[in-house]
Amino acid sequence: MKNIVLLTLLAILAGCGENTPVQTVDWYKEHDAERKEMLAKCKADPGRLRESANCVNAQQADNQKANARRGWVTPSAVDFGKKGD
């Protein structure tokens, strides 16, 4: 009897996960409306959603688009072992 109750409980809990597909940073960069909607959801419930994959990806896409508008260029790496010319 205990096994049946345990299996039933596990089956119920397995169905409680979020079914939202995870989108990539590039996808959010191409879909402005969806990115803004996801960022609004993330800001409305930061305790639960802040570290979800979609919130992180949407925020990263937003940051990259903002940097691109400002003309940000990724600097090249510095080689400290190289002697100055």
Protein backbone atom coordinates (compact mmCIF):
# COMPACT_ATOMS: atom_id res chain seq x y z
CA MET A 1 0.00 0.00 0.00
CA LYS A 2 2.83 2.40 0.85
CA ASN A 3 4.41 1.72 -2.53
CA ILE A 4 1.21 2.68 -4.35
CA VAL A 5 0.91 5.93 -2.41
CA LEU A 6 4.58 6.74 -3.03
CA LEU A 7 4.33 6.02 -6.76
CA THR A 8 1.17 8.11 -7.05
CA LEU A 9 2.82 11.01 -5.24
CA LEU A 10 5.89 10.81 -7.49
CA ALA A 11 3.73 10.73 -10.61
CA ILE A 12 1.84 13.83 -9.47
CA LEU A 13 5.05 15.71 -8.67
CA ALA A 14 6.61 14.76 -11.99
CA GLY A 15 3.79 16.57 -13.79
CA CYS A 16 4.35 19.81 -11.87
CA GLY A 17 7.36 21.00 -13.87
CA GLU A 18 7.26 24.02 -16.13
CA ASN A 19 6.58 23.07 -19.76
CA THR A 20 7.88 26.29 -21.31
CA PRO A 21 10.53 25.52 -23.95
CA VAL A 22 13.92 27.11 -23.35
CA GLN A 23 14.88 29.62 -26.04
CA THR A 24 18.43 30.61 -26.90
CA VAL A 25 20.01 34.06 -26.65
CA ASP A 26 20.04 34.33 -30.45
CA TRP A 27 16.32 33.47 -30.58
CA TYR A 28 15.51 36.22 -28.08
CA LYS A 29 17.66 38.69 -30.06
CA GLU A 30 15.51 37.99 -33.14
CA HIS A 31 12.13 38.07 -31.32
CA ASP A 32 11.79 41.46 -29.63
CA ALA A 33 8.18 41.08 -28.44
CA GLU A 34 8.82 37.69 -26.83
CA ARG A 35 12.03 38.97 -25.21
CA LYS A 36 10.24 41.96 -23.70
CA GLU A 37 7.39 39.74 -22.49
CA MET A 38 9.82 37.30 -20.85
CA LEU A 39 11.76 40.13 -19.18
CA ALA A 40 8.49 41.52 -17.79
CA LYS A 41 7.60 38.08 -16.37
CA CYS A 42 11.06 37.72 -14.85
CA LYS A 43 10.87 41.15 -13.19
CA ALA A 44 7.37 40.43 -11.88
CA ASP A 45 8.50 37.25 -10.07
CA PRO A 46 12.28 37.47 -9.55
CA GLY A 47 12.35 35.10 -6.58
CA ARG A 48 11.10 32.19 -8.64
CA LEU A 49 12.14 33.05 -12.19
CA ARG A 50 15.34 35.10 -11.92
CA GLU A 51 17.68 32.17 -12.52
CA SER A 52 15.54 30.27 -15.02
CA ALA A 53 17.16 29.59 -18.37
CA ASN A 54 14.68 31.75 -20.28
CA CYS A 55 15.17 34.74 -17.96
CA VAL A 56 18.94 34.49 -18.20
CA ASN A 57 18.85 34.11 -22.00
CA ALA A 58 16.36 36.96 -22.47
CA GLN A 59 18.43 39.29 -20.26
CA GLN A 60 21.65 38.34 -22.07
CA ALA A 61 19.99 39.01 -25.44
CA ASP A 62 18.74 42.36 -24.18
CA ASN A 63 22.23 43.27 -22.95
CA GLN A 64 23.82 42.29 -26.27
CA LYS A 65 21.30 44.32 -28.27
CA ALA A 66 21.84 47.35 -26.02
CA ASN A 67 25.62 47.05 -26.41
CA ALA A 68 25.29 46.74 -30.18
CA ARG A 69 23.21 49.95 -30.29
CA ARG A 70 25.98 51.72 -28.36
CA GLY A 71 28.64 50.49 -30.77
CA TRP A 72 30.37 48.19 -28.28
CA VAL A 73 33.26 46.22 -29.72
CA THR A 74 34.69 43.27 -27.82
CA PRO A 75 38.34 44.09 -27.14
CA SER A 76 41.03 41.64 -28.16
CA ALA A 77 42.85 39.64 -25.51
CA VAL A 78 46.03 41.08 -24.02
CA ASP A 79 49.15 38.91 -24.19
CA PHE A 80 51.22 39.84 -21.13
CA GLY A 81 54.05 37.52 -22.22
CA LYS A 82 54.67 39.48 -25.40
CA LYS A 83 57.40 42.14 -25.30
CA GLY A 84 56.50 45.61 -26.54
CA ASP A 85 57.68 46.58 -30.01
